[in-house]
Amino acid sequence: MPTIRRSVYVGLGGTGIKAIANAKKMYEDIFGEGNIPPQIAFVAIDFDKAIVNDQKLPTRIDDDFITLPSGVNPHHTYVNMASRGMYQWLFPKNADYLPDSIEDGAAQVRTTGRLLTELIMANIVPKIDQAMQSVTNLAAGAEGYNVSEDSRVDVHVAMSLAGGTGCGSFINIAQLIKEKYGSKITLYGYGVLYSVFRAMDPGTLETPRVRLNTYSAILDLDYLQTASTTNPISFTVAGQTKTIIAPLYDNFYLVDNRTENGEAVDNVNVLCQALGTCMYLSGGELGDAVRSVLCNV
């Protein structure tokens, strides 16, 4: 009888959603479609609704997808709120890339991804709350599996650090989850680096910003992970100043496209399959081994 750990899988952007969809499919293969244990939940966050109907996804994620508010014009909202002193972190030139519709996406601009995330926090919070309530309400498992006695919830957040949505939202989402649930969770991040996207587009015609996005994201992450009681770090989220006194992520894994034999993975879908497998295994008896910083899985 398998043992499962209470786990919430959050996918940010297309890459993150593909990764958690692969993990979800593995649960379905074991427990049956529509019969995944309630101690396992999924949340998909993106600004492109087309991902919901992507035929290349291994399973459906429409029930896991957040609702995007209609009628929101990010560009107009920024101009209006910036005049009141908000969003000072957004480079003025980057405002030119802001879309007129929230569903137009972040277009590989990480500051756009961050702004869009802040604009829909009211939609993200209840979706994550719903997932957390699902995995914690039932203490006992149904016939066919055991539930880990550990009451903490493992929250796995997958994203690309190279694009717009995942790269722009992974700090805000982590801060939101950590602030709300604190010691009740262990937060794991999985950031896909730019290398696989350049392998798919060596001419950089479709991926002009992936390298700089990744570099900037890692700099931010490295800085925020140094937070402590003796080194508090403050930053602004949705117009409010947040101060952290501990790293946002308990563990963060950088995912490149090279195998241990030096072979290159040249398609992000293949990489998402591997990442989904690791996250799935983390939700079971092998969880401690897979999450170990010394593990080569």
C-alpha atoms as a PDB file:
ATOM      1  CA  MET A   1       0.000   0.000   0.000  1.00  0.00           C
ATOM      2  CA  PRO A   2       1.673   3.271  -1.123  1.00  0.00           C
ATOM      3  CA  THR A   3       2.211   6.199   1.204  1.00  0.00           C
ATOM      4  CA  ILE A   4       1.527   9.722  -0.035  1.00  0.00           C
ATOM      5  CA  ARG A   5       2.608  13.038   1.437  1.00  0.00           C
ATOM      6  CA  ARG A   6       0.233  15.974   1.571  1.00  0.00           C
ATOM      7  CA  SER A   7       1.371  17.907  -1.492  1.00  0.00           C
ATOM      8  CA  VAL A   8       0.315  20.941  -3.525  1.00  0.00           C
ATOM      9  CA  TYR A   9       1.828  21.338  -6.994  1.00  0.00           C
ATOM     10  CA  VAL A  10       1.869  24.881  -8.395  1.00  0.00           C
ATOM     11  CA  GLY A  11       2.746  25.468 -12.054  1.00  0.00           C
ATOM     12  CA  LEU A  12       3.724  28.993 -13.108  1.00  0.00           C
ATOM     13  CA  GLY A  13       3.610  29.781 -16.813  1.00  0.00           C
ATOM     14  CA  GLY A  14       3.666  27.278 -19.657  1.00  0.00           C
ATOM     15  CA  THR A  15       6.749  25.382 -18.502  1.00  0.00           C
ATOM     16  CA  GLY A  16       5.556  25.089 -14.906  1.00  0.00           C
ATOM     17  CA  ILE A  17       2.119  23.929 -15.997  1.00  0.00           C
ATOM     18  CA  LYS A  18       3.599  21.270 -18.289  1.00  0.00           C
ATOM     19  CA  ALA A  19       5.694  20.005 -15.383  1.00  0.00           C
ATOM     20  CA  ILE A  20       2.813  19.680 -12.909  1.00  0.00           C
ATOM     21  CA  ALA A  21       0.609  18.177 -15.636  1.00  0.00           C
ATOM     22  CA  ASN A  22       3.165  15.392 -16.005  1.00  0.00           C
ATOM     23  CA  ALA A  23       3.132  14.842 -12.238  1.00  0.00           C
ATOM     24  CA  LYS A  24      -0.672  14.796 -12.253  1.00  0.00           C
ATOM     25  CA  LYS A  25      -0.743  12.233 -15.059  1.00  0.00           C
ATOM     26  CA  MET A  26       1.455   9.905 -13.003  1.00  0.00           C
ATOM     27  CA  TYR A  27      -0.984  10.134 -10.089  1.00  0.00           C
ATOM     28  CA  GLU A  28      -3.822   9.366 -12.496  1.00  0.00           C
ATOM     29  CA  ASP A  29      -1.956   6.354 -13.818  1.00  0.00           C
ATOM     30  CA  ILE A  30      -1.723   4.990 -10.275  1.00  0.00           C
ATOM     31  CA  PHE A  31      -5.087   5.990  -8.779  1.00  0.00           C
ATOM     32  CA  GLY A  32      -7.227   6.491 -11.875  1.00  0.00           C
ATOM     33  CA  GLU A  33      -8.418   9.648 -13.628  1.00  0.00           C
ATOM     34  CA  GLY A  34     -10.672  11.657 -11.332  1.00  0.00           C
ATOM     35  CA  ASN A  35      -9.599   9.553  -8.362  1.00  0.00           C
ATOM     36  CA  ILE A  36      -6.404  11.299  -7.225  1.00  0.00           C
ATOM     37  CA  PRO A  37      -6.297  11.329  -3.394  1.00  0.00           C
ATOM     38  CA  PRO A  38      -7.629  14.585  -1.903  1.00  0.00           C
ATOM     39  CA  GLN A  39      -4.285  15.035  -0.137  1.00  0.00           C
ATOM     40  CA  ILE A  40      -2.828  15.896  -3.558  1.00  0.00           C
ATOM     41  CA  ALA A  41      -3.793  19.174  -5.270  1.00  0.00           C
ATOM     42  CA  PHE A  42      -2.726  21.205  -8.287  1.00  0.00           C
ATOM     43  CA  VAL A  43      -2.773  24.924  -9.131  1.00  0.00           C
ATOM     44  CA  ALA A  44      -2.000  26.253 -12.620  1.00  0.00           C
ATOM     45  CA  ILE A  45      -1.216  29.959 -13.102  1.00  0.00           C
ATOM     46  CA  ASP A  46      -0.700  31.542 -16.514  1.00  0.00           C
ATOM     47  CA  PHE A  47      -1.944  34.445 -18.601  1.00  0.00           C
ATOM     48  CA  ASP A  48      -2.598  32.428 -21.741  1.00  0.00           C
ATOM     49  CA  LYS A  49      -5.840  30.457 -21.591  1.00  0.00           C
ATOM     50  CA  ALA A  50      -4.752  28.472 -24.632  1.00  0.00           C
ATOM     51  CA  ILE A  51      -2.631  26.326 -22.320  1.00  0.00           C
ATOM     52  CA  VAL A  52      -5.852  24.837 -20.925  1.00  0.00           C
ATOM     53  CA  ASN A  53      -6.647  23.262 -24.301  1.00  0.00           C
ATOM     54  CA  ASP A  54      -3.075  22.373 -25.238  1.00  0.00           C
ATOM     55  CA  GLN A  55      -3.345  18.902 -26.763  1.00  0.00           C
ATOM     56  CA  LYS A  56       0.308  18.229 -25.918  1.00  0.00           C
ATOM     57  CA  LEU A  57      -0.395  18.294 -22.187  1.00  0.00           C
ATOM     58  CA  PRO A  58      -0.437  14.747 -20.786  1.00  0.00           C
ATOM     59  CA  THR A  59      -3.695  15.433 -18.909  1.00  0.00           C
ATOM     60  CA  ARG A  60      -6.293  18.140 -18.430  1.00  0.00           C
ATOM     61  CA  ILE A  61      -5.588  21.021 -16.074  1.00  0.00           C
ATOM     62  CA  ASP A  62      -8.705  23.157 -16.668  1.00  0.00           C
ATOM     63  CA  ASP A  63     -10.075  22.492 -13.171  1.00  0.00           C
ATOM     64  CA  ASP A  64      -6.709  23.509 -11.713  1.00  0.00           C
ATOM     65  CA  PHE A  65      -6.397  26.714 -13.740  1.00  0.00           C
ATOM     66  CA  ILE A  66      -7.077  30.060 -12.057  1.00  0.00           C
ATOM     67  CA  THR A  67      -9.793  32.331 -13.389  1.00  0.00           C
ATOM     68  CA  LEU A  68      -8.455  35.322 -15.274  1.00  0.00           C
ATOM     69  CA  PRO A  69     -10.503  38.494 -14.679  1.00  0.00           C
ATOM     70  CA  SER A  70     -11.986  39.965 -17.831  1.00  0.00           C
ATOM     71  CA  GLY A  71     -11.737  43.604 -18.781  1.00  0.00           C
ATOM     72  CA  VAL A  72      -8.407  44.243 -17.040  1.00  0.00           C
ATOM     73  CA  ASN A  73      -6.079  46.471 -19.050  1.00  0.00           C
ATOM     74  CA  PRO A  74      -2.586  46.074 -17.522  1.00  0.00           C
ATOM     75  CA  HIS A  75      -1.092  49.017 -19.425  1.00  0.00           C
ATOM     76  CA  HIS A  76      -3.803  51.458 -18.372  1.00  0.00           C
ATOM     77  CA  THR A  77      -3.748  50.136 -14.812  1.00  0.00           C
ATOM     78  CA  TYR A  78      -0.003  50.643 -14.568  1.00  0.00           C
ATOM     79  CA  VAL A  79      -0.142  54.193 -15.924  1.00  0.00           C
ATOM     80  CA  ASN A  80      -2.913  55.079 -13.476  1.00  0.00           C
ATOM     81  CA  MET A  81      -1.281  53.480 -10.426  1.00  0.00           C
ATOM     82  CA  ALA A  82       2.249  54.635 -11.265  1.00  0.00           C
ATOM     83  CA  SER A  83       1.023  58.211 -11.091  1.00  0.00           C
ATOM     84  CA  ARG A  84       0.116  57.446  -7.462  1.00  0.00           C
ATOM     85  CA  GLY A  85       3.552  56.112  -6.648  1.00  0.00           C
ATOM     86  CA  MET A  86       2.943  52.389  -7.130  1.00  0.00           C
ATOM     87  CA  TYR A  87       4.977  49.909  -9.189  1.00  0.00           C
ATOM     88  CA  GLN A  88       8.177  51.906  -8.894  1.00  0.00           C
ATOM     89  CA  TRP A  89      10.094  48.655  -9.372  1.00  0.00           C
ATOM     90  CA  LEU A  90       8.945  48.453 -13.006  1.00  0.00           C
ATOM     91  CA  PHE A  91      11.455  50.045 -15.376  1.00  0.00           C
ATOM     92  CA  PRO A  92       9.651  52.825 -17.275  1.00  0.00           C
ATOM     93  CA  LYS A  93      10.832  51.492 -20.644  1.00  0.00           C
ATOM     94  CA  ASN A  94       9.393  48.087 -19.801  1.00  0.00           C
ATOM     95  CA  ALA A  95       5.972  49.700 -19.507  1.00  0.00           C
ATOM     96  CA  ASP A  96       5.976  49.848 -23.302  1.00  0.00           C
ATOM     97  CA  TYR A  97       5.704  46.046 -23.332  1.00  0.00           C
ATOM     98  CA  LEU A  98       2.635  45.899 -21.101  1.00  0.00           C
ATOM     99  CA  PRO A  99      -0.362  44.395 -22.923  1.00  0.00           C
ATOM    100  CA  ASP A 100      -3.822  45.897 -23.206  1.00  0.00           C
ATOM    101  CA  SER A 101      -5.398  42.611 -22.135  1.00  0.00           C
ATOM    102  CA  ILE A 102      -4.334  40.389 -19.255  1.00  0.00           C
ATOM    103  CA  GLU A 103      -4.814  37.360 -21.502  1.00  0.00           C
ATOM    104  CA  ASP A 104      -2.126  38.588 -23.901  1.00  0.00           C
ATOM    105  CA  GLY A 105       0.508  37.208 -21.531  1.00  0.00           C
ATOM    106  CA  ALA A 106       3.928  38.380 -20.424  1.00  0.00           C
ATOM    107  CA  ALA A 107       5.741  37.894 -23.763  1.00  0.00           C
ATOM    108  CA  GLN A 108       9.069  36.906 -22.124  1.00  0.00           C
ATOM    109  CA  VAL A 109       9.262  40.173 -20.152  1.00  0.00           C
ATOM    110  CA  ARG A 110       9.684  39.235 -16.497  1.00  0.00           C
ATOM    111  CA  THR A 111       8.526  42.583 -15.113  1.00  0.00           C
ATOM    112  CA  THR A 112       5.310  42.127 -17.089  1.00  0.00           C
ATOM    113  CA  GLY A 113       4.912  38.690 -15.525  1.00  0.00           C
ATOM    114  CA  ARG A 114       5.333  40.185 -12.068  1.00  0.00           C
ATOM    115  CA  LEU A 115       2.844  42.991 -12.702  1.00  0.00           C
ATOM    116  CA  LEU A 116       0.206  40.634 -14.136  1.00  0.00           C
ATOM    117  CA  THR A 117       0.622  38.384 -11.108  1.00  0.00           C
ATOM    118  CA  GLU A 118       0.032  41.293  -8.740  1.00  0.00           C
ATOM    119  CA  LEU A 119      -3.059  42.322 -10.703  1.00  0.00           C
ATOM    120  CA  ILE A 120      -4.705  38.919 -10.216  1.00  0.00           C
ATOM    121  CA  MET A 121      -3.703  38.176  -6.611  1.00  0.00           C
ATOM    122  CA  ALA A 122      -7.405  38.231  -5.714  1.00  0.00           C
ATOM    123  CA  ASN A 123      -7.875  35.243  -8.033  1.00  0.00           C
ATOM    124  CA  ILE A 124      -4.715  33.397  -7.016  1.00  0.00           C
ATOM    125  CA  VAL A 125      -5.293  33.466  -3.238  1.00  0.00           C
ATOM    126  CA  PRO A 126      -8.607  31.521  -3.173  1.00  0.00           C
ATOM    127  CA  LYS A 127      -7.258  28.931  -5.615  1.00  0.00           C
ATOM    128  CA  ILE A 128      -4.274  28.212  -3.385  1.00  0.00           C
ATOM    129  CA  ASP A 129      -6.536  28.273  -0.304  1.00  0.00           C
ATOM    130  CA  GLN A 130      -8.783  25.694  -1.927  1.00  0.00           C
ATOM    131  CA  ALA A 131      -5.804  23.443  -2.646  1.00  0.00           C
ATOM    132  CA  MET A 132      -4.458  23.770   0.897  1.00  0.00           C
ATOM    133  CA  GLN A 133      -7.839  22.996   2.436  1.00  0.00           C
ATOM    134  CA  SER A 134      -8.174  19.922   0.256  1.00  0.00           C
ATOM    135  CA  VAL A 135      -4.872  18.377   1.287  1.00  0.00           C
ATOM    136  CA  THR A 136      -5.258  19.147   5.012  1.00  0.00           C
ATOM    137  CA  ASN A 137      -8.938  18.503   5.721  1.00  0.00           C
ATOM    138  CA  LEU A 138      -8.737  14.719   5.568  1.00  0.00           C
ATOM    139  CA  ALA A 139      -6.258  13.067   7.888  1.00  0.00           C
ATOM    140  CA  ALA A 140      -6.906   9.475   6.845  1.00  0.00           C
ATOM    141  CA  GLY A 141      -6.513   7.945   3.418  1.00  0.00           C
ATOM    142  CA  ALA A 142      -9.036   5.859   1.576  1.00  0.00           C
ATOM    143  CA  GLU A 143      -8.537   2.207   0.892  1.00  0.00           C
ATOM    144  CA  GLY A 144      -5.491   1.670  -1.270  1.00  0.00           C
ATOM    145  CA  TYR A 145      -3.045   4.206   0.185  1.00  0.00           C
ATOM    146  CA  ASN A 146      -1.676   5.614   3.406  1.00  0.00           C
ATOM    147  CA  VAL A 147      -1.227   9.282   4.266  1.00  0.00           C
ATOM    148  CA  SER A 148       2.086  10.356   5.768  1.00  0.00           C
ATOM    149  CA  GLU A 149       1.884  11.171   9.469  1.00  0.00           C
ATOM    150  CA  ASP A 150       3.796  14.378   8.768  1.00  0.00           C
ATOM    151  CA  SER A 151       1.194  17.157   9.045  1.00  0.00           C
ATOM    152  CA  ARG A 152       3.267  19.636   7.060  1.00  0.00           C
ATOM    153  CA  VAL A 153       2.276  20.212   3.455  1.00  0.00           C
ATOM    154  CA  ASP A 154       4.895  20.011   0.714  1.00  0.00           C
ATOM    155  CA  VAL A 155       4.320  22.831  -1.760  1.00  0.00           C
ATOM    156  CA  HIS A 156       6.153  22.343  -5.063  1.00  0.00           C
ATOM    157  CA  VAL A 157       6.399  25.399  -7.342  1.00  0.00           C
ATOM    158  CA  ALA A 158       7.644  24.787 -10.892  1.00  0.00           C
ATOM    159  CA  MET A 159       8.470  27.456 -13.434  1.00  0.00           C
ATOM    160  CA  SER A 160      10.839  28.599 -16.148  1.00  0.00           C
ATOM    161  CA  LEU A 161      13.280  31.270 -15.031  1.00  0.00           C
ATOM    162  CA  ALA A 162      13.751  32.241 -18.659  1.00  0.00           C
ATOM    163  CA  GLY A 163      10.356  33.512 -19.755  1.00  0.00           C
ATOM    164  CA  GLY A 164       7.900  36.083 -18.487  1.00  0.00           C
ATOM    165  CA  THR A 165       5.205  34.557 -16.318  1.00  0.00           C
ATOM    166  CA  GLY A 166       7.192  32.066 -14.265  1.00  0.00           C
ATOM    167  CA  CYS A 167      10.276  34.249 -14.070  1.00  0.00           C
ATOM    168  CA  GLY A 168       8.200  37.246 -13.020  1.00  0.00           C
ATOM    169  CA  SER A 169       5.896  35.536 -10.527  1.00  0.00           C
ATOM    170  CA  PHE A 170       7.955  32.946  -8.661  1.00  0.00           C
ATOM    171  CA  ILE A 171       9.035  35.390  -5.933  1.00  0.00           C
ATOM    172  CA  ASN A 172       5.568  36.896  -5.401  1.00  0.00           C
ATOM    173  CA  ILE A 173       3.919  33.480  -5.249  1.00  0.00           C
ATOM    174  CA  ALA A 174       6.515  32.181  -2.786  1.00  0.00           C
ATOM    175  CA  GLN A 175       6.077  35.235  -0.553  1.00  0.00           C
ATOM    176  CA  LEU A 176       2.293  34.843  -0.622  1.00  0.00           C
ATOM    177  CA  ILE A 177       2.418  31.148   0.313  1.00  0.00           C
ATOM    178  CA  LYS A 178       5.095  31.535   2.977  1.00  0.00           C
ATOM    179  CA  GLU A 179       3.390  34.519   4.613  1.00  0.00           C
ATOM    180  CA  LYS A 180       0.038  32.748   4.785  1.00  0.00           C
ATOM    181  CA  TYR A 181       1.061  29.232   5.777  1.00  0.00           C
ATOM    182  CA  GLY A 182       4.484  29.649   7.391  1.00  0.00           C
ATOM    183  CA  SER A 183       5.557  26.635   9.436  1.00  0.00           C
ATOM    184  CA  LYS A 184       2.661  24.544   8.096  1.00  0.00           C
ATOM    185  CA  ILE A 185       4.467  24.000   4.792  1.00  0.00           C
ATOM    186  CA  THR A 186       7.789  23.166   3.221  1.00  0.00           C
ATOM    187  CA  LEU A 187       8.276  25.156   0.031  1.00  0.00           C
ATOM    188  CA  TYR A 188      10.249  23.751  -2.895  1.00  0.00           C
ATOM    189  CA  GLY A 189      11.087  25.611  -6.086  1.00  0.00           C
ATOM    190  CA  TYR A 190      12.103  24.154  -9.449  1.00  0.00           C
ATOM    191  CA  GLY A 191      13.460  26.694 -11.932  1.00  0.00           C
ATOM    192  CA  VAL A 192      14.157  25.655 -15.535  1.00  0.00           C
ATOM    193  CA  LEU A 193      17.123  27.558 -16.946  1.00  0.00           C
ATOM    194  CA  TYR A 194      17.437  29.152 -20.369  1.00  0.00           C
ATOM    195  CA  SER A 195      19.629  26.461 -21.958  1.00  0.00           C
ATOM    196  CA  VAL A 196      16.827  24.196 -23.186  1.00  0.00           C
ATOM    197  CA  PHE A 197      15.057  27.119 -24.872  1.00  0.00           C
ATOM    198  CA  ARG A 198      18.227  28.143 -26.696  1.00  0.00           C
ATOM    199  CA  ALA A 199      18.667  24.530 -27.792  1.00  0.00           C
ATOM    200  CA  MET A 200      15.197  24.727 -29.331  1.00  0.00           C
ATOM    201  CA  ASP A 201      15.918  28.155 -30.848  1.00  0.00           C
ATOM    202  CA  PRO A 202      19.663  28.503 -31.518  1.00  0.00           C
ATOM    203  CA  GLY A 203      19.072  31.575 -33.670  1.00  0.00           C
ATOM    204  CA  THR A 204      17.386  33.362 -30.730  1.00  0.00           C
ATOM    205  CA  LEU A 205      14.605  34.594 -33.014  1.00  0.00           C
ATOM    206  CA  GLU A 206      11.870  33.367 -30.662  1.00  0.00           C
ATOM    207  CA  THR A 207      13.790  33.598 -27.394  1.00  0.00           C
ATOM    208  CA  PRO A 208      15.633  36.929 -27.338  1.00  0.00           C
ATOM    209  CA  ARG A 209      15.411  37.516 -23.577  1.00  0.00           C
ATOM    210  CA  VAL A 210      15.711  34.075 -21.991  1.00  0.00           C
ATOM    211  CA  ARG A 211      19.351  34.370 -20.968  1.00  0.00           C
ATOM    212  CA  LEU A 212      19.051  37.776 -19.317  1.00  0.00           C
ATOM    213  CA  ASN A 213      15.774  36.805 -17.670  1.00  0.00           C
ATOM    214  CA  THR A 214      17.427  33.785 -16.083  1.00  0.00           C
ATOM    215  CA  TYR A 215      20.417  35.781 -14.910  1.00  0.00           C
ATOM    216  CA  SER A 216      18.204  38.454 -13.349  1.00  0.00           C
ATOM    217  CA  ALA A 217      15.960  35.884 -11.668  1.00  0.00           C
ATOM    218  CA  ILE A 218      18.912  34.058 -10.124  1.00  0.00           C
ATOM    219  CA  LEU A 219      20.333  37.337  -8.798  1.00  0.00           C
ATOM    220  CA  ASP A 220      16.987  38.127  -7.137  1.00  0.00           C
ATOM    221  CA  LEU A 221      16.678  34.614  -5.743  1.00  0.00           C
ATOM    222  CA  ASP A 222      20.231  34.585  -4.422  1.00  0.00           C
ATOM    223  CA  TYR A 223      19.625  37.885  -2.633  1.00  0.00           C
ATOM    224  CA  LEU A 224      16.279  36.925  -1.096  1.00  0.00           C
ATOM    225  CA  GLN A 225      17.508  33.525   0.057  1.00  0.00           C
ATOM    226  CA  THR A 226      19.962  35.295   2.400  1.00  0.00           C
ATOM    227  CA  ALA A 227      17.154  36.761   4.504  1.00  0.00           C
ATOM    228  CA  SER A 228      17.429  36.076   8.244  1.00  0.00           C
ATOM    229  CA  THR A 229      16.553  37.642  11.580  1.00  0.00           C
ATOM    230  CA  THR A 230      19.863  39.490  11.463  1.00  0.00           C
ATOM    231  CA  ASN A 231      19.445  40.336   7.778  1.00  0.00           C
ATOM    232  CA  PRO A 232      15.786  41.213   7.145  1.00  0.00           C
ATOM    233  CA  ILE A 233      14.925  42.025   3.542  1.00  0.00           C
ATOM    234  CA  SER A 234      12.031  44.244   2.469  1.00  0.00           C
ATOM    235  CA  PHE A 235      10.402  44.513  -0.927  1.00  0.00           C
ATOM    236  CA  THR A 236       7.097  45.671  -2.363  1.00  0.00           C
ATOM    237  CA  VAL A 237       4.267  43.361  -3.370  1.00  0.00           C
ATOM    238  CA  ALA A 238       1.052  44.840  -4.763  1.00  0.00           C
ATOM    239  CA  GLY A 239       1.782  48.191  -3.178  1.00  0.00           C
ATOM    240  CA  GLN A 240       2.536  46.752   0.265  1.00  0.00           C
ATOM    241  CA  THR A 241       5.960  46.480   1.845  1.00  0.00           C
ATOM    242  CA  LYS A 242       6.806  42.927   2.863  1.00  0.00           C
ATOM    243  CA  THR A 243       9.720  42.051   5.128  1.00  0.00           C
ATOM    244  CA  ILE A 244      11.101  38.526   5.247  1.00  0.00           C
ATOM    245  CA  ILE A 245      13.429  37.167   7.938  1.00  0.00           C
ATOM    246  CA  ALA A 246      14.004  33.739   6.387  1.00  0.00           C
ATOM    247  CA  PRO A 247      14.605  32.416   2.869  1.00  0.00           C
ATOM    248  CA  LEU A 248      11.439  32.303   0.765  1.00  0.00           C
ATOM    249  CA  TYR A 249      12.101  28.783  -0.487  1.00  0.00           C
ATOM    250  CA  ASP A 250      13.192  25.986   1.824  1.00  0.00           C
ATOM    251  CA  ASN A 251      14.888  24.359  -1.170  1.00  0.00           C
ATOM    252  CA  PHE A 252      15.295  25.593  -4.712  1.00  0.00           C
ATOM    253  CA  TYR A 253      16.509  23.457  -7.611  1.00  0.00           C
ATOM    254  CA  LEU A 254      17.938  24.902 -10.825  1.00  0.00           C
ATOM    255  CA  VAL A 255      17.161  22.652 -13.782  1.00  0.00           C
ATOM    256  CA  ASP A 256      19.389  22.746 -16.843  1.00  0.00           C
ATOM    257  CA  ASN A 257      19.199  20.608 -19.979  1.00  0.00           C
ATOM    258  CA  ARG A 258      22.317  18.504 -19.435  1.00  0.00           C
ATOM    259  CA  THR A 259      22.238  14.930 -18.204  1.00  0.00           C
ATOM    260  CA  GLU A 260      24.878  13.557 -15.852  1.00  0.00           C
ATOM    261  CA  ASN A 261      26.553  12.134 -18.980  1.00  0.00           C
ATOM    262  CA  GLY A 262      26.767  15.565 -20.565  1.00  0.00           C
ATOM    263  CA  GLU A 263      24.063  14.900 -23.142  1.00  0.00           C
ATOM    264  CA  ALA A 264      21.807  17.826 -24.027  1.00  0.00           C
ATOM    265  CA  VAL A 265      18.018  17.699 -23.813  1.00  0.00           C
ATOM    266  CA  ASP A 266      16.823  19.780 -26.743  1.00  0.00           C
ATOM    267  CA  ASN A 267      13.088  19.977 -25.998  1.00  0.00           C
ATOM    268  CA  VAL A 268      11.430  21.549 -22.965  1.00  0.00           C
ATOM    269  CA  ASN A 269       8.602  18.980 -23.055  1.00  0.00           C
ATOM    270  CA  VAL A 270      11.103  16.208 -22.362  1.00  0.00           C
ATOM    271  CA  LEU A 271      12.579  18.236 -19.521  1.00  0.00           C
ATOM    272  CA  CYS A 272       9.091  18.794 -18.078  1.00  0.00           C
ATOM    273  CA  GLN A 273       8.480  15.040 -18.139  1.00  0.00           C
ATOM    274  CA  ALA A 274      11.598  14.485 -16.048  1.00  0.00           C
ATOM    275  CA  LEU A 275      10.694  17.327 -13.687  1.00  0.00           C
ATOM    276  CA  GLY A 276       7.149  16.021 -13.329  1.00  0.00           C
ATOM    277  CA  THR A 277       8.524  12.599 -12.426  1.00  0.00           C
ATOM    278  CA  CYS A 278      10.747  14.077  -9.715  1.00  0.00           C
ATOM    279  CA  MET A 279       7.842  16.022  -8.226  1.00  0.00           C
ATOM    280  CA  TYR A 280       5.606  12.954  -8.328  1.00  0.00           C
ATOM    281  CA  LEU A 281       8.219  10.851  -6.549  1.00  0.00           C
ATOM    282  CA  SER A 282       8.599  13.618  -3.957  1.00  0.00           C
ATOM    283  CA  GLY A 283       4.955  13.080  -3.035  1.00  0.00           C
ATOM    284  CA  GLY A 284       5.516   9.490  -1.970  1.00  0.00           C
ATOM    285  CA  GLU A 285       7.738   7.201   0.055  1.00  0.00           C
ATOM    286  CA  LEU A 286      10.823   8.306  -1.884  1.00  0.00           C
ATOM    287  CA  GLY A 287      10.137  11.965  -1.065  1.00  0.00           C
ATOM    288  CA  ASP A 288      12.931  12.451   1.420  1.00  0.00           C
ATOM    289  CA  ALA A 289      15.490  10.841  -0.892  1.00  0.00           C
ATOM    290  CA  VAL A 290      14.413  12.777  -3.975  1.00  0.00           C
ATOM    291  CA  ARG A 291      14.430  16.100  -2.127  1.00  0.00           C
ATOM    292  CA  SER A 292      17.877  15.516  -0.635  1.00  0.00           C
ATOM    293  CA  VAL A 293      20.405  18.115  -1.770  1.00  0.00           C
ATOM    294  CA  LEU A 294      22.831  15.220  -2.200  1.00  0.00           C
ATOM    295  CA  CYS A 295      20.532  13.275  -4.527  1.00  0.00           C
ATOM    296  CA  ASN A 296      21.309  12.896  -8.225  1.00  0.00           C
ATOM    297  CA  VAL A 297      17.822  11.723  -9.242  1.00  0.00           C
END
